[in-house]
N, C-alpha and C. Protein backbone atom coordinates (compact mmCIF):
# COMPACT_ATOMS: atom_id res chain seq x y z
N MET A 1 27.40 74.51 15.94
CA MET A 1 26.48 73.92 15.25
C MET A 1 25.70 75.00 14.49
N SER A 2 25.84 76.19 15.14
CA SER A 2 25.01 77.39 14.91
C SER A 2 25.72 77.97 13.40
N GLY A 3 24.47 77.69 12.23
CA GLY A 3 25.03 77.95 11.07
C GLY A 3 26.01 77.05 10.07
N LEU A 4 25.93 76.20 10.77
CA LEU A 4 27.02 75.17 9.73
C LEU A 4 26.20 74.79 8.62
N GLY A 5 24.88 74.67 8.63
CA GLY A 5 24.25 74.34 7.32
C GLY A 5 24.37 75.05 6.20
N ARG A 6 24.97 76.45 6.38
CA ARG A 6 25.37 77.05 5.59
C ARG A 6 26.79 77.26 5.05
N GLN A 7 27.54 76.82 5.92
CA GLN A 7 29.25 76.51 5.52
C GLN A 7 29.20 75.18 5.00
N MET A 8 28.44 74.49 5.27
CA MET A 8 28.56 72.84 4.68
C MET A 8 27.04 72.20 4.18
N PRO A 9 26.83 72.78 3.38
CA PRO A 9 25.28 72.53 2.65
C PRO A 9 25.14 70.91 2.08
N PHE A 10 25.91 70.59 1.54
CA PHE A 10 25.75 69.26 1.32
C PHE A 10 25.91 68.23 2.36
N THR A 11 27.04 68.54 3.02
CA THR A 11 26.82 67.27 4.24
C THR A 11 25.74 67.79 4.95
N MET A 12 25.34 69.02 5.70
CA MET A 12 24.32 68.84 6.41
C MET A 12 22.91 68.56 5.74
N GLY A 13 22.73 68.89 4.47
CA GLY A 13 21.49 68.53 3.76
C GLY A 13 21.40 67.08 3.98
N ALA A 14 22.69 66.44 3.38
CA ALA A 14 22.16 64.86 3.91
C ALA A 14 22.06 64.49 5.08
N PHE A 15 22.68 65.24 6.31
CA PHE A 15 22.38 64.82 7.74
C PHE A 15 20.76 64.94 7.80
N ALA A 16 20.29 66.07 7.40
CA ALA A 16 19.05 66.64 7.76
C ALA A 16 18.08 65.35 6.75
N ILE A 17 18.11 65.01 5.73
CA ILE A 17 17.53 63.98 5.29
C ILE A 17 17.57 62.96 6.07
N GLY A 18 18.73 62.30 6.19
CA GLY A 18 18.97 61.07 7.03
C GLY A 18 18.21 61.23 8.41
N ALA A 19 18.00 62.27 8.85
CA ALA A 19 17.41 62.73 10.16
C ALA A 19 16.18 62.56 10.00
N LEU A 20 15.58 63.20 8.93
CA LEU A 20 13.90 62.96 8.66
C LEU A 20 13.69 61.63 8.20
N SER A 21 14.40 60.78 7.85
CA SER A 21 14.17 59.15 7.58
C SER A 21 14.18 58.63 9.00
N MET A 22 15.25 59.07 9.85
CA MET A 22 15.13 58.06 11.35
C MET A 22 13.85 58.80 11.89
N ILE A 23 13.41 59.62 11.71
CA ILE A 23 12.30 60.27 12.52
C ILE A 23 10.68 59.69 11.96
N GLY A 24 10.93 59.36 10.53
CA GLY A 24 9.79 58.52 10.09
C GLY A 24 9.00 59.68 9.29
N VAL A 25 9.72 60.56 8.64
CA VAL A 25 8.65 61.83 8.02
C VAL A 25 8.54 61.36 6.69
N PRO A 26 7.36 61.21 5.81
CA PRO A 26 7.52 61.12 4.41
C PRO A 26 8.03 62.32 3.88
N PRO A 27 8.49 62.23 2.57
CA PRO A 27 8.64 61.02 1.73
C PRO A 27 10.15 60.39 1.56
N VAL A 28 10.76 59.98 2.96
CA VAL A 28 11.79 59.16 2.86
C VAL A 28 11.81 58.40 3.26
N ALA A 29 12.66 57.13 2.95
CA ALA A 29 12.86 55.64 3.02
C ALA A 29 12.35 55.11 4.68
N GLY A 30 12.61 56.13 5.40
CA GLY A 30 12.46 55.60 6.94
C GLY A 30 10.59 55.75 7.04
N PHE A 31 9.97 56.86 6.60
CA PHE A 31 8.67 56.71 6.57
C PHE A 31 8.27 55.15 6.19
N VAL A 32 8.51 54.76 5.09
CA VAL A 32 8.00 53.60 4.63
C VAL A 32 8.19 52.32 5.51
N SER A 33 9.55 52.42 5.93
CA SER A 33 9.79 51.09 7.12
C SER A 33 8.95 51.12 8.40
N LYS A 34 8.97 52.20 8.67
CA LYS A 34 8.32 52.95 9.75
C LYS A 34 6.86 52.35 9.74
N TRP A 35 6.33 52.80 8.47
CA TRP A 35 4.68 52.22 8.14
C TRP A 35 4.41 50.77 8.18
N TYR A 36 5.65 49.99 7.52
CA TYR A 36 5.48 48.59 7.56
C TYR A 36 5.60 48.01 8.62
N LEU A 37 6.52 48.61 9.29
CA LEU A 37 6.56 48.16 11.00
C LEU A 37 5.35 48.50 11.56
N LEU A 38 4.43 49.49 11.55
CA LEU A 38 3.30 49.86 12.22
C LEU A 38 2.12 49.00 11.83
N LEU A 39 2.26 48.67 10.45
CA LEU A 39 1.12 47.53 10.12
C LEU A 39 1.14 46.29 10.48
N GLY A 40 2.60 45.78 10.53
CA GLY A 40 2.79 44.31 11.25
C GLY A 40 2.57 44.34 12.58
N THR A 41 2.60 45.52 13.18
CA THR A 41 2.37 45.48 14.82
C THR A 41 0.93 45.61 14.96
N LEU A 42 0.25 46.40 14.12
CA LEU A 42 -1.58 46.04 13.92
C LEU A 42 -1.64 44.99 13.69
N GLU A 43 -1.32 44.27 12.91
CA GLU A 43 -2.00 42.95 12.62
C GLU A 43 -1.56 41.66 13.83
N THR A 44 -0.35 42.11 14.40
CA THR A 44 -0.28 41.37 15.80
C THR A 44 -0.91 41.68 17.22
N LYS A 45 -1.43 42.81 17.14
CA LYS A 45 -2.56 43.45 17.80
C LYS A 45 -1.66 43.56 19.23
N HIS A 46 -0.11 43.95 19.10
CA HIS A 46 0.53 43.92 20.46
C HIS A 46 0.66 45.72 20.78
N LEU A 47 0.24 46.22 21.46
CA LEU A 47 0.07 47.43 21.93
C LEU A 47 1.44 48.21 22.47
N GLY A 48 2.07 47.17 23.13
CA GLY A 48 3.45 47.57 23.59
C GLY A 48 4.65 47.95 22.49
N LEU A 49 4.72 47.12 21.47
CA LEU A 49 5.10 47.14 20.02
C LEU A 49 4.87 48.74 19.88
N ILE A 50 3.44 48.93 19.37
CA ILE A 50 3.19 50.42 18.99
C ILE A 50 3.62 51.20 19.64
N LEU A 51 3.71 51.19 20.98
CA LEU A 51 4.14 52.39 21.98
C LEU A 51 5.61 52.34 22.05
N VAL A 52 6.46 51.32 21.70
CA VAL A 52 7.85 51.17 21.36
C VAL A 52 7.98 52.24 20.40
N LEU A 53 7.42 51.76 19.26
CA LEU A 53 7.82 52.39 17.64
C LEU A 53 7.54 54.02 17.80
N LEU A 54 6.31 54.48 18.55
CA LEU A 54 5.71 55.68 18.82
C LEU A 54 6.93 56.43 19.81
N ALA A 55 7.59 55.56 20.58
CA ALA A 55 8.48 56.34 21.74
C ALA A 55 9.87 56.61 20.95
N SER A 56 10.05 55.70 19.80
CA SER A 56 11.23 55.71 19.14
C SER A 56 11.36 56.74 18.27
N THR A 57 10.14 57.06 17.57
CA THR A 57 9.88 58.43 16.65
C THR A 57 9.96 59.68 17.48
N ILE A 58 9.37 59.43 18.59
CA ILE A 58 9.43 60.79 19.30
C ILE A 58 10.88 61.21 20.01
N LEU A 59 11.74 60.06 20.38
CA LEU A 59 13.02 60.20 20.78
C LEU A 59 13.86 60.76 19.47
N ASN A 60 13.69 60.15 18.09
CA ASN A 60 14.47 60.48 17.44
C ASN A 60 14.29 61.74 16.81
N ALA A 61 13.02 62.61 16.97
CA ALA A 61 12.60 63.67 16.85
C ALA A 61 13.11 64.92 17.66
N GLY A 62 13.36 64.40 19.14
CA GLY A 62 13.89 65.27 19.65
C GLY A 62 15.33 65.04 19.64
N TYR A 63 15.96 63.96 19.24
CA TYR A 63 17.10 64.31 19.20
C TYR A 63 18.16 64.77 18.06
N PHE A 64 17.29 64.49 16.86
CA PHE A 64 17.72 65.13 15.33
C PHE A 64 17.23 66.59 15.29
N SER A 65 15.91 66.93 15.71
CA SER A 65 15.54 68.45 15.39
C SER A 65 16.36 69.66 15.71
N PRO A 66 16.63 69.28 16.81
CA PRO A 66 17.51 70.87 17.30
C PRO A 66 18.99 70.77 16.60
N ILE A 67 19.43 69.31 16.35
CA ILE A 67 20.64 69.72 15.40
C ILE A 67 20.38 70.39 13.96
N VAL A 68 19.33 70.05 13.33
CA VAL A 68 18.77 70.44 12.26
C VAL A 68 18.66 71.95 12.25
N PHE A 69 17.61 72.22 13.20
CA PHE A 69 17.67 73.64 13.71
C PHE A 69 18.67 74.49 13.79
N LYS A 70 19.77 74.09 14.60
CA LYS A 70 20.76 75.10 14.45
C LYS A 70 21.41 75.18 13.57
N ALA A 71 21.58 74.15 12.65
CA ALA A 71 22.61 74.17 11.84
C ALA A 71 21.92 75.17 10.66
N PHE A 72 20.79 75.07 10.49
CA PHE A 72 19.98 75.73 9.28
C PHE A 72 19.45 77.17 9.49
N PHE A 73 18.99 77.34 10.76
CA PHE A 73 18.02 78.41 11.30
C PHE A 73 18.58 79.43 12.19
N GLU A 74 19.42 78.87 12.76
CA GLU A 74 20.13 79.70 13.81
C GLU A 74 21.34 80.62 13.39
N LYS A 75 21.40 81.61 13.69
CA LYS A 75 22.72 82.58 13.28
C LYS A 75 23.75 82.11 14.06
N SER A 76 24.91 82.22 13.89
CA SER A 76 26.43 81.97 14.44
C SER A 76 26.28 83.12 15.41
N LYS A 77 26.88 83.14 16.61
CA LYS A 77 27.20 84.03 17.50
C LYS A 77 27.65 85.24 17.12
N ASP A 78 29.06 84.88 16.54
CA ASP A 78 29.63 85.90 15.94
C ASP A 78 29.71 86.18 14.64
N ASP A 79 29.83 87.16 14.12
CA ASP A 79 29.69 87.61 12.55
C ASP A 79 31.02 86.70 11.77
N ASN A 80 31.75 86.57 12.28
CA ASN A 80 33.03 86.03 11.41
C ASN A 80 32.64 84.15 11.44
N PRO A 81 32.52 83.66 10.32
CA PRO A 81 32.37 82.30 10.60
C PRO A 81 33.75 81.61 11.22
N PRO A 82 33.47 80.43 11.79
CA PRO A 82 34.94 79.99 12.15
C PRO A 82 35.76 79.35 10.92
N VAL A 83 37.02 79.55 11.46
CA VAL A 83 38.19 79.54 10.44
C VAL A 83 38.33 77.65 10.38
N GLY A 84 38.40 77.62 9.03
CA GLY A 84 38.78 75.85 8.88
C GLY A 84 37.46 75.14 8.58
N ILE A 85 36.27 75.36 8.56
CA ILE A 85 35.05 74.61 8.49
C ILE A 85 34.57 74.94 7.47
N GLN A 86 34.56 74.18 6.13
CA GLN A 86 34.32 73.98 5.04
C GLN A 86 33.43 72.67 4.73
N GLU A 87 33.08 72.58 3.40
CA GLU A 87 32.60 71.43 3.17
C GLU A 87 33.39 70.43 3.12
N ALA A 88 32.79 69.03 3.03
CA ALA A 88 33.52 67.88 3.06
C ALA A 88 34.52 67.59 1.61
N PRO A 89 35.17 66.88 1.63
CA PRO A 89 35.72 66.53 0.22
C PRO A 89 34.95 65.75 -0.83
N TYR A 90 34.89 65.92 -1.98
CA TYR A 90 34.29 65.49 -2.98
C TYR A 90 33.91 63.68 -2.77
N ALA A 91 34.90 62.99 -2.10
CA ALA A 91 34.96 61.68 -2.00
C ALA A 91 34.08 61.19 -0.87
N MET A 92 33.58 62.37 -0.15
CA MET A 92 32.70 62.12 0.97
C MET A 92 31.40 62.63 0.46
N VAL A 93 31.34 63.80 0.02
CA VAL A 93 29.98 64.65 -0.46
C VAL A 93 29.25 63.47 -1.59
N VAL A 94 29.75 62.92 -2.29
CA VAL A 94 29.52 62.30 -3.44
C VAL A 94 28.72 61.18 -2.78
N PRO A 95 29.23 60.28 -2.30
CA PRO A 95 28.38 58.96 -1.35
C PRO A 95 27.03 59.73 -0.37
N LEU A 96 27.50 60.61 0.21
CA LEU A 96 26.51 61.26 1.12
C LEU A 96 25.10 61.96 0.35
N THR A 97 25.48 62.52 -0.64
CA THR A 97 24.57 63.20 -1.61
C THR A 97 23.61 61.86 -2.31
N LEU A 98 24.52 60.75 -2.74
CA LEU A 98 23.75 59.67 -3.40
C LEU A 98 22.78 59.15 -2.47
N THR A 99 23.20 58.56 -1.10
CA THR A 99 22.57 58.13 -0.50
C THR A 99 21.35 58.92 0.15
N ALA A 100 21.60 60.21 -0.09
CA ALA A 100 20.21 61.03 0.51
C ALA A 100 19.18 60.94 -0.54
N ILE A 101 19.95 61.19 -1.83
CA ILE A 101 18.76 60.87 -3.07
C ILE A 101 18.01 59.96 -3.00
N ILE A 102 18.81 58.36 -2.85
CA ILE A 102 18.23 57.35 -2.95
C ILE A 102 17.20 57.14 -1.85
N SER A 103 17.49 57.72 -0.77
CA SER A 103 16.43 57.59 0.61
C SER A 103 15.32 58.13 0.11
N VAL A 104 15.31 59.29 -0.81
CA VAL A 104 14.12 60.07 -1.27
C VAL A 104 13.27 59.09 -2.33
N ILE A 105 14.23 58.51 -3.30
CA ILE A 105 13.73 57.82 -4.20
C ILE A 105 12.83 56.75 -3.43
N MET A 106 13.35 56.22 -2.48
CA MET A 106 12.63 54.80 -1.76
C MET A 106 11.56 55.44 -1.24
N GLY A 107 11.39 56.66 -0.54
CA GLY A 107 10.21 57.04 0.07
C GLY A 107 9.25 57.37 -1.10
N ILE A 108 9.73 57.61 -2.14
CA ILE A 108 8.49 58.12 -3.01
C ILE A 108 8.07 56.88 -4.02
N TYR A 109 8.83 55.90 -4.38
CA TYR A 109 8.59 55.05 -4.99
C TYR A 109 9.28 53.34 -4.38
N PRO A 110 8.17 53.26 -3.05
CA PRO A 110 8.88 52.06 -2.21
C PRO A 110 8.09 51.03 -2.97
N ASP A 111 7.40 50.93 -3.87
CA ASP A 111 6.59 49.50 -4.37
C ASP A 111 8.10 48.70 -5.30
N PHE A 112 8.48 49.73 -5.75
CA PHE A 112 9.61 49.26 -6.93
C PHE A 112 10.66 48.41 -6.09
N PHE A 113 10.98 49.10 -5.21
CA PHE A 113 12.20 48.35 -4.38
C PHE A 113 11.54 46.85 -3.48
N MET A 114 10.57 47.59 -3.01
CA MET A 114 9.71 46.21 -2.43
C MET A 114 9.43 45.03 -3.36
N ASN A 115 9.12 45.16 -4.55
CA ASN A 115 9.03 43.85 -5.81
C ASN A 115 10.28 43.63 -6.12
N PHE A 116 11.46 44.19 -5.93
CA PHE A 116 12.41 43.78 -6.22
C PHE A 116 13.20 42.95 -5.36
N VAL A 117 12.76 43.26 -4.03
CA VAL A 117 13.24 42.57 -2.80
C VAL A 117 12.60 41.12 -2.91
N LYS A 118 11.28 41.12 -3.35
CA LYS A 118 10.47 39.70 -3.54
C LYS A 118 11.06 38.99 -4.26
N MET A 119 11.10 39.58 -5.54
CA MET A 119 11.83 39.20 -6.96
C MET A 119 13.12 38.31 -6.32
N VAL A 120 13.67 38.83 -5.77
CA VAL A 120 15.25 38.33 -5.31
C VAL A 120 15.37 36.98 -3.98
N VAL A 121 14.24 37.49 -3.27
CA VAL A 121 14.17 36.69 -2.14
C VAL A 121 13.59 35.18 -2.61
N LYS A 122 12.61 35.05 -3.44
CA LYS A 122 11.92 33.95 -3.96
C LYS A 122 12.94 32.85 -4.45
């Protein structure tokens, strides 16, 4: 995993954005969903559900942060990069990149998507 972000920047960049979304860091869509879950839980006044949401956030940070750190900030043990590791094919990179971009857009403009969902559900 060490240095994999330099060899596969698009794939690992999309993974990093997905990891941030799972953790619930702004400005990605995962933050918006966790925010609405937190607001709903506060309205019901269930402390147990708030603790579960907090625990899931801490566990996600604990699982995903080391992977992202090793991929982008840790140097490879040897000077020569592993043979055969390269960026994924375009057929895989394009959907990964689009999904990551959409996740960031949904995090920045959540009202647009929420209004669209409300319009469709009615």
